[in-house]
Amino acid sequence: MPIASVVRHSFKEKQNIMRKYTLILLTLVQTTLVTFGQTTPEVIVPNFNDKYTDFVRHLETGKTDINYTEFRESFIESEQFKVASKAKTQFDSLKKEMYTQMNKSNYQELIRITKAMLSIDYTSLIAHKILRQTYKIIGDTLNASKYKSIQFGLLYSITNSGNGKTCETAWHVIQVSEEYFILQMLGAELKSQSIDNSNGLCDKMKVKTEEGEEKIYYFETSKVFEGYRKLGMK
């Protein structure tokens, strides 16, 4: 066979190999993009021109050095608070599914679910906690650190507001869910709940500690009722 024919034949083979390689590469890229889109959902920032929206936007970009008490209170004042109230059933369903996926160690689904929860209520302590734990497990240290800062920023803004020992020195909350989150963090089992108006507007929580000791914790709830009034609830 002439040398020229051999060269042309060799060149065509190389072209065919390159076409196949390019096709495989494009397929891999498309698959990666689809997978990436499915497994790295984003928190949806509310489309409102208010303080709460600005806080969420800043926090999502990693700017976590904010006033978390002001942030939590801005949620009650925001239009998103009304949206979250209407989406309560959806939020509760997501929370229930979150625990199901935790038992299955389905980390990508946990990220999707907790970010969907934060898209409804970015002040959710449980969503931030599970999201940061999930990122830590999969080795995403940057996001784990970010959501840890937010979780503990929210938590300390409550626990630094008092000592929880009396109604006068109660922990200030904006939602009842914050009360139950703190009791869970303390390892306390709720035995009874009542209202104490002796020195403010408080929830009085009688609990049993992990050591079997009975204690009482107080949560100041004026902001909770402010939220109820905004929603037209008594």
Protein backbone atom coordinates (compact mmCIF):
# COMPACT_ATOMS: atom_id res chain seq x y z
CA MET A 1 0.00 0.00 0.00
CA PRO A 2 1.40 3.49 -0.94
CA ILE A 3 2.69 5.57 1.95
CA ALA A 4 0.18 8.34 1.17
CA SER A 5 -2.73 5.87 1.55
CA VAL A 6 -1.35 4.63 4.83
CA VAL A 7 -1.05 8.21 6.13
CA ARG A 8 -4.63 9.05 4.99
CA HIS A 9 -5.93 5.87 6.60
CA SER A 10 -4.08 6.60 9.83
CA PHE A 11 -5.36 10.19 9.84
CA LYS A 12 -8.97 9.04 9.39
CA GLU A 13 -8.60 6.60 12.25
CA LYS A 14 -7.29 9.37 14.47
CA GLN A 15 -10.23 11.59 13.43
CA ASN A 16 -12.69 8.82 14.32
CA ILE A 17 -10.99 8.29 17.68
CA MET A 18 -11.07 12.03 18.40
CA ARG A 19 -14.77 12.23 17.46
CA LYS A 20 -15.55 9.34 19.79
CA TYR A 21 -13.45 10.88 22.56
CA THR A 22 -15.14 14.29 22.11
CA LEU A 23 -18.59 12.66 22.18
CA ILE A 24 -17.75 10.79 25.39
CA LEU A 25 -16.33 13.96 26.95
CA LEU A 26 -19.43 15.98 26.06
CA THR A 27 -21.66 13.27 27.50
CA LEU A 28 -19.66 13.27 30.74
CA VAL A 29 -19.84 17.06 30.99
CA GLN A 30 -23.60 17.09 30.40
CA THR A 31 -24.10 14.33 32.95
CA THR A 32 -21.96 16.19 35.47
CA LEU A 33 -23.90 19.41 34.92
CA VAL A 34 -27.22 17.65 35.37
CA THR A 35 -25.99 15.86 38.49
CA PHE A 36 -24.51 19.05 39.87
CA GLY A 37 -27.78 20.88 39.32
CA GLN A 38 -29.66 18.14 41.12
CA THR A 39 -27.36 17.76 44.10
CA THR A 40 -26.35 21.36 44.82
CA PRO A 41 -29.62 23.27 45.27
CA GLU A 42 -29.52 26.87 46.40
CA VAL A 43 -31.46 28.68 49.08
CA ILE A 44 -34.08 30.87 47.42
CA VAL A 45 -33.66 34.43 48.70
CA PRO A 46 -37.04 36.17 49.16
CA ASN A 47 -37.94 38.77 46.57
CA PHE A 48 -38.81 41.52 49.02
CA ASN A 49 -37.19 44.89 49.59
CA ASP A 50 -36.82 44.58 53.35
CA LYS A 51 -34.28 44.03 56.10
CA TYR A 52 -34.90 40.27 56.38
CA THR A 53 -34.21 39.74 52.67
CA ASP A 54 -30.98 41.75 52.93
CA PHE A 55 -29.87 39.64 55.90
CA VAL A 56 -30.54 36.36 54.06
CA ARG A 57 -28.69 37.58 50.98
CA HIS A 58 -25.66 38.55 53.08
CA LEU A 59 -25.63 35.29 55.03
CA GLU A 60 -25.87 33.18 51.88
CA THR A 61 -22.80 34.92 50.45
CA GLY A 62 -20.89 33.94 53.59
CA LYS A 63 -21.07 37.28 55.42
CA THR A 64 -22.03 35.79 58.78
CA ASP A 65 -20.89 38.60 61.10
CA ILE A 66 -24.32 40.16 61.67
CA ASN A 67 -26.63 41.07 64.56
CA TYR A 68 -28.59 37.82 64.85
CA THR A 69 -31.16 39.21 67.29
CA GLU A 70 -31.97 41.94 64.78
CA PHE A 71 -32.06 39.33 62.02
CA ARG A 72 -34.52 37.09 63.87
CA GLU A 73 -36.75 40.02 64.71
CA SER A 74 -36.64 41.20 61.09
CA PHE A 75 -38.24 37.90 60.10
CA ILE A 76 -41.34 38.72 62.16
CA GLU A 77 -41.49 42.14 60.48
CA SER A 78 -40.99 40.81 56.95
CA GLU A 79 -43.42 39.80 54.24
CA GLN A 80 -41.67 36.43 54.18
CA PHE A 81 -43.12 35.76 57.64
CA LYS A 82 -46.59 35.72 56.06
CA VAL A 83 -45.33 33.50 53.25
CA ALA A 84 -43.79 31.10 55.78
CA SER A 85 -47.06 30.95 57.71
CA LYS A 86 -48.96 29.91 54.57
CA ALA A 87 -46.22 27.36 53.81
CA LYS A 88 -46.28 25.80 57.29
CA THR A 89 -47.69 22.48 56.06
CA GLN A 90 -44.96 22.30 53.42
CA PHE A 91 -42.29 23.20 55.97
CA ASP A 92 -43.50 20.52 58.40
CA SER A 93 -43.51 17.92 55.61
CA LEU A 94 -39.95 18.85 54.67
CA LYS A 95 -38.90 18.58 58.32
CA LYS A 96 -40.47 15.13 58.61
CA GLU A 97 -38.75 13.99 55.41
CA MET A 98 -35.47 15.41 56.70
CA TYR A 99 -35.49 12.94 59.60
CA THR A 100 -36.34 10.10 57.21
CA GLN A 101 -33.36 10.94 54.99
CA MET A 102 -31.12 11.28 58.06
CA ASN A 103 -31.88 7.66 58.93
CA LYS A 104 -30.95 6.69 55.37
CA SER A 105 -27.75 8.80 55.41
CA ASN A 106 -28.94 10.36 52.14
CA TYR A 107 -26.74 13.43 52.30
CA GLN A 108 -27.53 15.04 48.95
CA GLU A 109 -31.23 14.80 49.67
CA LEU A 110 -30.65 16.28 53.13
CA ILE A 111 -28.96 19.28 51.54
CA ARG A 112 -31.89 19.75 49.18
CA ILE A 113 -34.48 19.45 51.95
CA THR A 114 -32.78 21.73 54.49
CA LYS A 115 -32.19 24.40 51.86
CA ALA A 116 -35.86 24.18 50.89
CA MET A 117 -36.70 24.71 54.58
CA LEU A 118 -34.37 27.72 54.76
CA SER A 119 -35.99 29.12 51.62
CA ILE A 120 -39.19 29.28 53.68
CA ASP A 121 -37.69 30.30 57.04
CA TYR A 122 -34.00 31.16 57.14
CA THR A 123 -34.11 31.53 60.93
CA SER A 124 -34.80 27.80 61.34
CA LEU A 125 -32.24 26.49 63.83
CA ILE A 126 -32.88 22.83 63.08
CA ALA A 127 -32.41 23.33 59.33
CA HIS A 128 -29.07 25.11 59.84
CA LYS A 129 -27.94 22.45 62.31
CA ILE A 130 -28.67 19.50 60.02
CA LEU A 131 -27.30 21.30 56.96
CA ARG A 132 -23.97 22.13 58.61
CA GLN A 133 -23.67 18.57 60.00
CA THR A 134 -24.34 17.15 56.55
CA TYR A 135 -21.73 19.35 54.91
CA LYS A 136 -19.24 18.30 57.58
CA ILE A 137 -19.91 14.61 56.90
CA ILE A 138 -19.36 14.95 53.13
CA GLY A 139 -16.17 16.97 53.68
CA ASP A 140 -17.41 20.38 52.50
CA THR A 141 -15.62 22.33 55.21
CA LEU A 142 -16.39 25.76 53.72
CA ASN A 143 -20.16 25.31 53.82
CA ALA A 144 -19.99 23.42 57.13
CA SER A 145 -18.21 26.42 58.68
CA LYS A 146 -20.65 28.89 57.13
CA TYR A 147 -23.80 27.21 58.40
CA LYS A 148 -22.20 26.51 61.77
CA SER A 149 -21.57 30.23 62.19
CA ILE A 150 -25.20 30.96 61.30
CA GLN A 151 -26.62 28.22 63.55
CA PHE A 152 -24.67 29.31 66.60
CA GLY A 153 -25.18 32.98 65.82
CA LEU A 154 -28.92 32.36 65.98
CA LEU A 155 -28.61 30.16 69.07
CA TYR A 156 -26.41 32.56 71.06
CA SER A 157 -28.70 35.48 70.23
CA ILE A 158 -31.31 33.60 72.28
CA THR A 159 -29.19 32.18 75.10
CA ASN A 160 -27.34 35.49 75.62
CA SER A 161 -30.65 37.31 76.14
CA GLY A 162 -31.04 35.87 79.65
CA ASN A 163 -30.38 32.79 81.75
CA GLY A 164 -33.79 31.12 81.47
CA LYS A 165 -34.16 30.77 85.24
CA THR A 166 -37.01 33.24 85.82
CA CYS A 167 -39.58 35.06 83.71
CA GLU A 168 -37.68 38.29 84.34
CA THR A 169 -34.44 36.73 83.03
CA ALA A 170 -36.05 34.49 80.40
CA TRP A 171 -34.60 33.62 77.01
CA HIS A 172 -36.19 35.81 74.32
CA VAL A 173 -37.68 33.87 71.41
CA ILE A 174 -39.58 34.86 68.28
CA GLN A 175 -41.06 31.43 67.54
CA VAL A 176 -42.13 28.50 69.69
CA SER A 177 -39.86 26.24 67.62
CA GLU A 178 -36.86 28.04 69.14
CA GLU A 179 -37.99 26.95 72.61
CA TYR A 180 -38.14 23.29 71.65
CA PHE A 181 -34.80 23.48 69.83
CA ILE A 182 -33.05 24.83 72.95
CA LEU A 183 -34.66 22.20 75.18
CA GLN A 184 -33.46 19.56 72.73
CA MET A 185 -29.94 20.99 72.81
CA LEU A 186 -30.06 20.84 76.62
CA GLY A 187 -31.17 17.21 76.48
CA ALA A 188 -34.28 18.16 78.43
CA GLU A 189 -37.56 16.26 78.23
CA LEU A 190 -40.61 18.53 78.45
CA LYS A 191 -43.02 17.48 81.18
CA SER A 192 -45.44 20.43 81.24
CA GLN A 193 -45.87 23.92 79.82
CA SER A 194 -47.73 26.91 81.24
CA ILE A 195 -47.86 30.70 80.93
CA ASP A 196 -46.19 32.96 83.51
CA ASN A 197 -47.06 36.68 83.41
CA SER A 198 -45.44 37.60 86.73
CA ASN A 199 -42.59 39.62 85.18
CA GLY A 200 -43.37 39.65 81.49
CA LEU A 201 -45.00 37.27 79.04
CA CYS A 202 -43.33 33.89 79.41
CA ASP A 203 -43.64 30.21 78.66
CA LYS A 204 -42.80 28.22 81.78
CA MET A 205 -41.34 24.84 80.84
CA LYS A 206 -41.01 22.09 83.41
CA VAL A 207 -38.48 19.55 82.17
CA LYS A 208 -36.57 16.46 83.17
CA THR A 209 -32.85 16.51 82.43
CA GLU A 210 -30.77 13.61 81.12
CA GLU A 211 -29.55 13.13 84.70
CA GLY A 212 -33.14 12.72 85.91
CA GLU A 213 -33.24 16.13 87.56
CA GLU A 214 -36.35 18.31 87.33
CA LYS A 215 -35.85 21.91 86.21
CA ILE A 216 -37.85 24.89 85.03
CA TYR A 217 -36.87 27.08 82.08
CA TYR A 218 -38.51 30.35 81.04
CA PHE A 219 -38.89 31.78 77.53
CA GLU A 220 -39.97 35.38 76.91
CA THR A 221 -42.65 35.25 74.18
CA SER A 222 -43.78 38.83 73.46
CA LYS A 223 -42.30 38.59 69.93
CA VAL A 224 -44.14 35.31 69.39
CA PHE A 225 -47.45 37.04 70.09
CA GLU A 226 -46.39 40.00 67.96
CA GLY A 227 -46.05 37.54 65.11
CA TYR A 228 -49.48 36.07 65.86
CA ARG A 229 -51.03 39.54 65.70
CA LYS A 230 -49.36 40.22 62.36
CA LEU A 231 -50.99 37.07 61.02
CA GLY A 232 -54.36 38.14 62.41
CA MET A 233 -54.29 35.55 65.16
CA LYS A 234 -55.27 36.22 68.77
